[in-house]
Amino acid sequence: MAKFFTPIQINEFKECFSLYDKKQKGKIEAKDLITVMRCLGTSPTSSEIERHLQVHKIEKLGELDFSTFLTMMHRQMQQEDPKAEILEALRMTDKQKKGFIQASELRAKLTKLGEKLTDKEVDELFKEANVQSTGAVNYEEFTRMVTLPPVDY
């Protein structure tokens, strides 16, 4: 699994994994898997966790080592692609398939559907992505802007 992660990622994963290695044996309890994965920025559901455990034949009350954890993290990160999910949702809104959505329509979707944002949050998002509150938004460019990694000072 090391070939899929940078040394920095592996160190970050190991540090978090170690916090849940209560017996100091290089293993965590299966019940802690969802917490560890979420602490590291993924968003697995309970059913996804169950599937990870089943693939590796680990009981719900069992334990897993760091190598197995890395494999699970890799699979989880592969299936979570927020950029692709956002683009797909916006493409479905683009009835003319021109790559644009009205800013007012985008605002409505962001404030009324899914994980609802406040008007203030949408204003900040639009400002950050250089979106005018009137007119059309190139949703591929918008998605690229809002999915950029945060600046790490």
N, C-alpha and C. Protein backbone atom coordinates (compact mmCIF):
# COMPACT_ATOMS: atom_id res chain seq x y z
N MET A 1 0.80 -1.21 0.00
CA MET A 1 0.00 0.00 0.00
C MET A 1 0.84 1.27 0.00
N ALA A 2 2.09 1.14 0.39
CA ALA A 2 2.95 2.32 0.46
C ALA A 2 3.06 3.02 -0.89
N LYS A 3 2.90 2.27 -1.98
CA LYS A 3 3.02 2.88 -3.30
C LYS A 3 1.86 3.82 -3.62
N PHE A 4 0.76 3.72 -2.90
CA PHE A 4 -0.40 4.57 -3.15
C PHE A 4 -0.41 5.82 -2.28
N PHE A 5 0.40 5.85 -1.25
CA PHE A 5 0.42 6.99 -0.33
C PHE A 5 1.81 7.59 -0.25
N THR A 6 1.84 8.88 0.04
CA THR A 6 3.13 9.54 0.25
C THR A 6 3.62 9.21 1.66
N PRO A 7 4.91 9.34 1.92
CA PRO A 7 5.41 9.11 3.28
C PRO A 7 4.71 10.02 4.30
N ILE A 8 4.38 11.22 3.90
CA ILE A 8 3.68 12.15 4.82
C ILE A 8 2.31 11.61 5.17
N GLN A 9 1.57 11.10 4.16
CA GLN A 9 0.25 10.52 4.43
C GLN A 9 0.37 9.31 5.35
N ILE A 10 1.34 8.44 5.06
CA ILE A 10 1.51 7.24 5.88
C ILE A 10 1.80 7.62 7.33
N ASN A 11 2.64 8.62 7.53
CA ASN A 11 2.94 9.07 8.90
C ASN A 11 1.70 9.63 9.58
N GLU A 12 0.91 10.40 8.84
CA GLU A 12 -0.34 10.94 9.40
C GLU A 12 -1.29 9.81 9.77
N PHE A 13 -1.44 8.83 8.88
CA PHE A 13 -2.31 7.69 9.14
C PHE A 13 -1.82 6.91 10.36
N LYS A 14 -0.50 6.68 10.42
CA LYS A 14 0.09 5.91 11.52
C LYS A 14 -0.14 6.62 12.86
N GLU A 15 0.03 7.94 12.85
CA GLU A 15 -0.16 8.71 14.07
C GLU A 15 -1.59 8.58 14.59
N CYS A 16 -2.56 8.73 13.70
CA CYS A 16 -3.97 8.60 14.10
C CYS A 16 -4.28 7.17 14.50
N PHE A 17 -3.81 6.20 13.73
CA PHE A 17 -4.02 4.79 14.01
C PHE A 17 -3.49 4.47 15.42
N SER A 18 -2.31 4.96 15.73
CA SER A 18 -1.67 4.69 17.02
C SER A 18 -2.48 5.22 18.20
N LEU A 19 -3.20 6.32 17.98
CA LEU A 19 -4.04 6.87 19.06
C LEU A 19 -5.14 5.89 19.48
N TYR A 20 -5.55 5.03 18.56
CA TYR A 20 -6.61 4.06 18.85
C TYR A 20 -6.07 2.66 19.12
N ASP A 21 -4.76 2.51 19.07
CA ASP A 21 -4.10 1.23 19.37
C ASP A 21 -3.95 1.15 20.89
N LYS A 22 -5.06 0.87 21.55
CA LYS A 22 -5.12 0.94 23.01
C LYS A 22 -4.21 -0.06 23.71
N LYS A 23 -4.00 -1.23 23.09
CA LYS A 23 -3.16 -2.25 23.73
C LYS A 23 -1.70 -2.16 23.29
N GLN A 24 -1.40 -1.16 22.45
CA GLN A 24 -0.03 -0.97 21.95
C GLN A 24 0.52 -2.22 21.27
N LYS A 25 -0.34 -2.88 20.48
CA LYS A 25 0.06 -4.10 19.77
C LYS A 25 0.07 -3.91 18.26
N GLY A 26 -0.06 -2.66 17.79
CA GLY A 26 -0.07 -2.42 16.36
C GLY A 26 -1.41 -2.74 15.71
N LYS A 27 -2.48 -2.78 16.52
CA LYS A 27 -3.81 -3.10 16.00
C LYS A 27 -4.84 -2.16 16.62
N ILE A 28 -5.92 -1.93 15.87
CA ILE A 28 -7.05 -1.20 16.43
C ILE A 28 -8.27 -2.12 16.40
N GLU A 29 -9.24 -1.80 17.23
CA GLU A 29 -10.48 -2.56 17.24
C GLU A 29 -11.32 -2.17 16.04
N ALA A 30 -12.01 -3.13 15.46
CA ALA A 30 -12.84 -2.88 14.28
C ALA A 30 -13.88 -1.79 14.55
N LYS A 31 -14.38 -1.71 15.78
CA LYS A 31 -15.40 -0.70 16.11
C LYS A 31 -14.84 0.72 16.02
N ASP A 32 -13.51 0.88 16.07
CA ASP A 32 -12.89 2.20 15.98
C ASP A 32 -12.55 2.61 14.55
N LEU A 33 -12.72 1.68 13.61
CA LEU A 33 -12.32 1.95 12.23
C LEU A 33 -13.00 3.18 11.65
N ILE A 34 -14.31 3.30 11.83
CA ILE A 34 -15.04 4.42 11.26
C ILE A 34 -14.53 5.75 11.82
N THR A 35 -14.22 5.78 13.10
CA THR A 35 -13.72 7.00 13.74
C THR A 35 -12.35 7.37 13.19
N VAL A 36 -11.46 6.39 13.09
CA VAL A 36 -10.11 6.66 12.59
C VAL A 36 -10.17 7.16 11.15
N MET A 37 -10.97 6.51 10.32
CA MET A 37 -11.09 6.93 8.93
C MET A 37 -11.65 8.35 8.82
N ARG A 38 -12.64 8.65 9.63
CA ARG A 38 -13.23 9.99 9.58
C ARG A 38 -12.26 11.04 10.10
N CYS A 39 -11.47 10.70 11.09
CA CYS A 39 -10.45 11.62 11.60
C CYS A 39 -9.44 11.97 10.51
N LEU A 40 -9.27 11.08 9.57
CA LEU A 40 -8.29 11.28 8.50
C LEU A 40 -8.92 11.84 7.22
N GLY A 41 -10.15 12.34 7.33
CA GLY A 41 -10.74 13.08 6.24
C GLY A 41 -11.63 12.31 5.27
N THR A 42 -11.86 11.03 5.52
CA THR A 42 -12.79 10.30 4.67
C THR A 42 -14.16 10.28 5.35
N SER A 43 -15.16 9.86 4.62
CA SER A 43 -16.53 9.86 5.16
C SER A 43 -17.22 8.53 4.93
N PRO A 44 -16.68 7.45 5.48
CA PRO A 44 -17.32 6.15 5.27
C PRO A 44 -18.64 6.03 6.01
N THR A 45 -19.57 5.30 5.39
CA THR A 45 -20.83 5.00 6.07
C THR A 45 -20.63 3.71 6.86
N SER A 46 -21.58 3.41 7.71
CA SER A 46 -21.51 2.16 8.48
C SER A 46 -21.48 0.94 7.55
N SER A 47 -22.28 0.99 6.48
CA SER A 47 -22.29 -0.15 5.56
C SER A 47 -20.97 -0.27 4.81
N GLU A 48 -20.32 0.84 4.51
CA GLU A 48 -19.00 0.77 3.86
C GLU A 48 -17.98 0.16 4.82
N ILE A 49 -18.06 0.51 6.09
CA ILE A 49 -17.15 -0.07 7.08
C ILE A 49 -17.39 -1.58 7.17
N GLU A 50 -18.65 -1.99 7.21
CA GLU A 50 -18.97 -3.42 7.25
C GLU A 50 -18.39 -4.14 6.05
N ARG A 51 -18.48 -3.51 4.88
CA ARG A 51 -17.95 -4.12 3.66
C ARG A 51 -16.42 -4.25 3.74
N HIS A 52 -15.74 -3.21 4.21
CA HIS A 52 -14.28 -3.28 4.39
C HIS A 52 -13.92 -4.46 5.30
N LEU A 53 -14.64 -4.60 6.39
CA LEU A 53 -14.36 -5.67 7.36
C LEU A 53 -14.63 -7.04 6.73
N GLN A 54 -15.73 -7.15 5.98
CA GLN A 54 -16.06 -8.42 5.34
C GLN A 54 -14.99 -8.84 4.33
N VAL A 55 -14.53 -7.90 3.53
CA VAL A 55 -13.50 -8.18 2.52
C VAL A 55 -12.26 -8.79 3.17
N HIS A 56 -11.93 -8.30 4.36
CA HIS A 56 -10.73 -8.76 5.05
C HIS A 56 -11.04 -9.82 6.11
N LYS A 57 -12.28 -10.29 6.10
CA LYS A 57 -12.71 -11.36 7.03
C LYS A 57 -12.40 -11.00 8.49
N ILE A 58 -12.78 -9.78 8.84
CA ILE A 58 -12.59 -9.31 10.22
C ILE A 58 -13.95 -9.19 10.87
N GLU A 59 -14.10 -9.81 12.03
CA GLU A 59 -15.35 -9.75 12.78
C GLU A 59 -15.57 -8.32 13.31
N LYS A 60 -16.84 -8.00 13.58
CA LYS A 60 -17.16 -6.67 14.12
C LYS A 60 -16.46 -6.40 15.45
N LEU A 61 -16.19 -7.46 16.19
CA LEU A 61 -15.50 -7.31 17.48
C LEU A 61 -14.02 -7.62 17.35
N GLY A 62 -13.54 -7.78 16.11
CA GLY A 62 -12.14 -8.12 15.87
C GLY A 62 -11.22 -6.92 15.85
N GLU A 63 -10.00 -7.19 15.40
CA GLU A 63 -8.97 -6.14 15.32
C GLU A 63 -8.35 -6.17 13.93
N LEU A 64 -7.72 -5.06 13.56
CA LEU A 64 -7.01 -5.01 12.30
C LEU A 64 -5.68 -4.32 12.47
N ASP A 65 -4.69 -4.76 11.69
CA ASP A 65 -3.36 -4.17 11.78
C ASP A 65 -3.24 -2.97 10.83
N PHE A 66 -2.10 -2.31 10.89
CA PHE A 66 -1.92 -1.08 10.12
C PHE A 66 -1.90 -1.35 8.62
N SER A 67 -1.31 -2.44 8.20
CA SER A 67 -1.26 -2.78 6.78
C SER A 67 -2.67 -2.95 6.22
N THR A 68 -3.51 -3.66 6.95
CA THR A 68 -4.90 -3.84 6.52
C THR A 68 -5.63 -2.51 6.51
N PHE A 69 -5.36 -1.70 7.52
CA PHE A 69 -5.97 -0.37 7.59
C PHE A 69 -5.60 0.46 6.35
N LEU A 70 -4.32 0.41 5.94
CA LEU A 70 -3.89 1.17 4.76
C LEU A 70 -4.65 0.72 3.51
N THR A 71 -4.86 -0.58 3.38
CA THR A 71 -5.62 -1.10 2.24
C THR A 71 -7.05 -0.56 2.27
N MET A 72 -7.66 -0.56 3.44
CA MET A 72 -9.02 -0.05 3.58
C MET A 72 -9.08 1.45 3.28
N MET A 73 -8.11 2.20 3.76
CA MET A 73 -8.07 3.64 3.50
C MET A 73 -7.94 3.91 2.00
N HIS A 74 -7.09 3.14 1.36
CA HIS A 74 -6.90 3.32 -0.08
C HIS A 74 -8.22 3.09 -0.82
N ARG A 75 -8.90 2.01 -0.50
CA ARG A 75 -10.18 1.72 -1.15
C ARG A 75 -11.21 2.81 -0.87
N GLN A 76 -11.25 3.26 0.38
CA GLN A 76 -12.22 4.29 0.76
C GLN A 76 -11.93 5.60 0.01
N MET A 77 -10.66 5.96 -0.05
CA MET A 77 -10.30 7.21 -0.71
C MET A 77 -10.56 7.14 -2.22
N GLN A 78 -10.40 5.97 -2.79
CA GLN A 78 -10.68 5.79 -4.22
C GLN A 78 -12.16 5.99 -4.54
N GLN A 79 -13.01 5.49 -3.65
CA GLN A 79 -14.44 5.58 -3.94
C GLN A 79 -15.03 6.93 -3.57
N GLU A 80 -14.30 7.72 -2.79
CA GLU A 80 -14.77 9.06 -2.44
C GLU A 80 -14.08 10.06 -3.35
N ASP A 81 -14.82 10.65 -4.24
CA ASP A 81 -14.26 11.65 -5.13
C ASP A 81 -15.23 12.82 -5.17
N PRO A 82 -15.11 13.75 -4.22
CA PRO A 82 -16.08 14.84 -4.14
C PRO A 82 -16.16 15.67 -5.42
N LYS A 83 -15.03 15.85 -6.09
CA LYS A 83 -15.04 16.64 -7.31
C LYS A 83 -15.95 16.00 -8.35
N ALA A 84 -15.82 14.69 -8.54
CA ALA A 84 -16.65 13.98 -9.53
C ALA A 84 -18.12 14.01 -9.12
N GLU A 85 -18.40 13.87 -7.82
CA GLU A 85 -19.78 13.89 -7.34
C GLU A 85 -20.43 15.25 -7.58
N ILE A 86 -19.68 16.32 -7.30
CA ILE A 86 -20.21 17.68 -7.49
C ILE A 86 -20.46 17.93 -8.98
N LEU A 87 -19.47 17.58 -9.80
CA LEU A 87 -19.63 17.78 -11.25
C LEU A 87 -20.84 17.02 -11.80
N GLU A 88 -21.01 15.79 -11.38
CA GLU A 88 -22.14 15.00 -11.85
C GLU A 88 -23.46 15.65 -11.46
N ALA A 89 -23.55 16.11 -10.24
CA ALA A 89 -24.79 16.77 -9.77
C ALA A 89 -25.07 18.03 -10.58
N LEU A 90 -24.04 18.81 -10.86
CA LEU A 90 -24.23 20.05 -11.62
C LEU A 90 -24.52 19.76 -13.09
N ARG A 91 -23.91 18.74 -13.65
CA ARG A 91 -24.20 18.36 -15.05
C ARG A 91 -25.67 17.98 -15.22
N MET A 92 -26.22 17.34 -14.20
CA MET A 92 -27.62 16.93 -14.28
C MET A 92 -28.53 18.15 -14.32
N THR A 93 -28.08 19.26 -13.79
CA THR A 93 -28.85 20.50 -13.78
C THR A 93 -28.73 21.24 -15.10
N ASP A 94 -27.66 21.01 -15.82
CA ASP A 94 -27.37 21.70 -17.08
C ASP A 94 -28.13 21.04 -18.23
N LYS A 95 -29.35 21.46 -18.40
CA LYS A 95 -30.21 20.83 -19.40
C LYS A 95 -29.71 21.03 -20.82
N GLN A 96 -29.04 22.16 -21.08
CA GLN A 96 -28.55 22.44 -22.44
C GLN A 96 -27.14 21.91 -22.66
N LYS A 97 -26.55 21.33 -21.62
CA LYS A 97 -25.21 20.71 -21.71
C LYS A 97 -24.16 21.68 -22.26
N LYS A 98 -24.18 22.91 -21.73
CA LYS A 98 -23.22 23.92 -22.18
C LYS A 98 -22.12 24.19 -21.16
N GLY A 99 -22.22 23.56 -19.99
CA GLY A 99 -21.17 23.76 -18.98
C GLY A 99 -21.44 24.90 -18.02
N PHE A 100 -22.65 25.45 -18.04
CA PHE A 100 -22.98 26.58 -17.18
C PHE A 100 -24.26 26.32 -16.41
N ILE A 101 -24.36 26.97 -15.25
CA ILE A 101 -25.57 26.95 -14.43
C ILE A 101 -25.76 28.38 -13.93
N GLN A 102 -27.00 28.80 -13.83
CA GLN A 102 -27.28 30.14 -13.33
C GLN A 102 -26.87 30.23 -11.86
N ALA A 103 -26.26 31.34 -11.49
CA ALA A 103 -25.82 31.53 -10.10
C ALA A 103 -26.99 31.40 -9.14
N SER A 104 -28.14 31.93 -9.52
CA SER A 104 -29.31 31.85 -8.64
C SER A 104 -29.75 30.40 -8.45
N GLU A 105 -29.65 29.59 -9.50
CA GLU A 105 -30.01 28.18 -9.40
C GLU A 105 -29.00 27.42 -8.53
N LEU A 106 -27.72 27.75 -8.70
CA LEU A 106 -26.68 27.14 -7.88
C LEU A 106 -26.90 27.49 -6.41
N ARG A 107 -27.20 28.76 -6.15
CA ARG A 107 -27.48 29.19 -4.77
C ARG A 107 -28.65 28.40 -4.19
N ALA A 108 -29.71 28.25 -4.95
CA ALA A 108 -30.90 27.51 -4.48
C ALA A 108 -30.53 26.07 -4.13
N LYS A 109 -29.73 25.44 -4.98
CA LYS A 109 -29.33 24.05 -4.72
C LYS A 109 -28.47 23.96 -3.46
N LEU A 110 -27.56 24.90 -3.30
CA LEU A 110 -26.66 24.86 -2.15
C LEU A 110 -27.36 25.15 -0.83
N THR A 111 -28.45 25.90 -0.88
CA THR A 111 -29.15 26.26 0.36
C THR A 111 -30.36 25.38 0.67
N LYS A 112 -30.79 24.58 -0.31
CA LYS A 112 -32.01 23.80 -0.10
C LYS A 112 -31.84 22.29 -0.19
N LEU A 113 -30.74 21.83 -0.77
CA LEU A 113 -30.56 20.40 -0.98
C LEU A 113 -29.36 19.86 -0.23
N GLY A 114 -29.43 18.58 0.11
CA GLY A 114 -28.28 17.91 0.74
C GLY A 114 -27.86 18.56 2.04
N GLU A 115 -26.56 18.73 2.18
CA GLU A 115 -26.03 19.41 3.36
C GLU A 115 -26.17 20.92 3.11
N LYS A 116 -27.28 21.48 3.61
CA LYS A 116 -27.66 22.84 3.29
C LYS A 116 -26.66 23.87 3.83
N LEU A 117 -26.31 24.82 2.96
CA LEU A 117 -25.45 25.93 3.37
C LEU A 117 -26.34 27.13 3.67
N THR A 118 -25.83 28.01 4.51
CA THR A 118 -26.55 29.26 4.78
C THR A 118 -26.25 30.23 3.64
N ASP A 119 -27.06 31.28 3.53
CA ASP A 119 -26.81 32.30 2.50
C ASP A 119 -25.43 32.92 2.68
N LYS A 120 -25.03 33.12 3.93
CA LYS A 120 -23.71 33.69 4.21
C LYS A 120 -22.60 32.75 3.71
N GLU A 121 -22.77 31.45 3.95
CA GLU A 121 -21.77 30.48 3.48
C GLU A 121 -21.69 30.47 1.96
N VAL A 122 -22.85 30.57 1.30
CA VAL A 122 -22.86 30.61 -0.17
C VAL A 122 -22.19 31.90 -0.65
N ASP A 123 -22.47 33.02 0.02
CA ASP A 123 -21.81 34.28 -0.35
C ASP A 123 -20.29 34.14 -0.26
N GLU A 124 -19.80 33.52 0.81
CA GLU A 124 -18.36 33.33 0.98
C GLU A 124 -17.80 32.40 -0.09
N LEU A 125 -18.53 31.34 -0.39
CA LEU A 125 -18.12 30.39 -1.42
C LEU A 125 -18.06 31.07 -2.79
N PHE A 126 -19.08 31.85 -3.11
CA PHE A 126 -19.11 32.57 -4.37
C PHE A 126 -17.95 33.57 -4.46
N LYS A 127 -17.70 34.25 -3.36
CA LYS A 127 -16.61 35.23 -3.33
C LYS A 127 -15.27 34.52 -3.58
N GLU A 128 -15.07 33.42 -2.89
CA GLU A 128 -13.82 32.66 -3.02
C GLU A 128 -13.63 32.13 -4.44
N ALA A 129 -14.72 31.74 -5.08
CA ALA A 129 -14.66 31.17 -6.43
C ALA A 129 -14.89 32.22 -7.52
N ASN A 130 -14.92 33.50 -7.14
CA ASN A 130 -15.12 34.61 -8.09
C ASN A 130 -16.41 34.46 -8.90
N VAL A 131 -17.49 34.12 -8.21
CA VAL A 131 -18.79 33.96 -8.87
C VAL A 131 -19.62 35.21 -8.62
N GLN A 132 -20.15 35.78 -9.70
CA GLN A 132 -21.06 36.92 -9.58
C GLN A 132 -22.43 36.38 -9.20
N SER A 133 -23.14 37.08 -8.32
CA SER A 133 -24.43 36.56 -7.85
C SER A 133 -25.49 36.56 -8.95
N THR A 134 -25.22 37.27 -10.05
CA THR A 134 -26.12 37.20 -11.20
C THR A 134 -25.33 36.64 -12.36
N GLY A 135 -26.02 36.00 -13.27
CA GLY A 135 -25.33 35.46 -14.44
C GLY A 135 -25.05 33.99 -14.32
N ALA A 136 -24.26 33.50 -15.27
CA ALA A 136 -23.99 32.08 -15.37
C ALA A 136 -22.66 31.73 -14.72
N VAL A 137 -22.58 30.50 -14.21
CA VAL A 137 -21.38 29.98 -13.56
C VAL A 137 -20.87 28.78 -14.36
N ASN A 138 -19.61 28.82 -14.73
CA ASN A 138 -18.98 27.66 -15.37
C ASN A 138 -18.79 26.65 -14.24
N TYR A 139 -19.58 25.58 -14.24
CA TYR A 139 -19.56 24.70 -13.09
C TYR A 139 -18.31 23.84 -12.99
N GLU A 140 -17.62 23.60 -14.09
CA GLU A 140 -16.35 22.86 -13.98
C GLU A 140 -15.30 23.72 -13.27
N GLU A 141 -15.25 24.99 -13.63
CA GLU A 141 -14.31 25.91 -12.97
C GLU A 141 -14.71 26.11 -11.51
N PHE A 142 -16.01 26.25 -11.26
CA PHE A 142 -16.49 26.41 -9.88
C PHE A 142 -16.10 25.20 -9.04
N THR A 143 -16.32 24.01 -9.58
CA THR A 143 -15.99 22.77 -8.86
C THR A 143 -14.49 22.70 -8.58
N ARG A 144 -13.69 23.06 -9.56
CA ARG A 144 -12.24 23.06 -9.38
C ARG A 144 -11.84 24.00 -8.24
N MET A 145 -12.46 25.18 -8.22
CA MET A 145 -12.13 26.17 -7.18
C MET A 145 -12.54 25.70 -5.78
N VAL A 146 -13.72 25.13 -5.66
CA VAL A 146 -14.19 24.75 -4.32
C VAL A 146 -13.61 23.44 -3.82
N THR A 147 -12.95 22.68 -4.69
CA THR A 147 -12.35 21.42 -4.24
C THR A 147 -10.83 21.51 -4.15
N LEU A 148 -10.28 22.70 -4.31
CA LEU A 148 -8.84 22.87 -4.12
C LEU A 148 -8.50 22.55 -2.68
N PRO A 149 -7.36 21.93 -2.43
CA PRO A 149 -7.00 21.66 -1.04
C PRO A 149 -6.81 22.96 -0.28
N PRO A 150 -7.13 22.97 1.01
CA PRO A 150 -6.96 24.19 1.79
C PRO A 150 -5.48 24.56 1.89
N VAL A 151 -5.24 25.86 1.97
CA VAL A 151 -3.86 26.33 2.11
C VAL A 151 -3.32 25.89 3.46
N ASP A 152 -2.14 25.29 3.47
CA ASP A 152 -1.53 24.80 4.70
C ASP A 152 -0.36 25.71 5.04
N TYR A 153 -0.58 26.60 5.97
CA TYR A 153 0.45 27.60 6.30
C TYR A 153 1.53 27.00 7.12
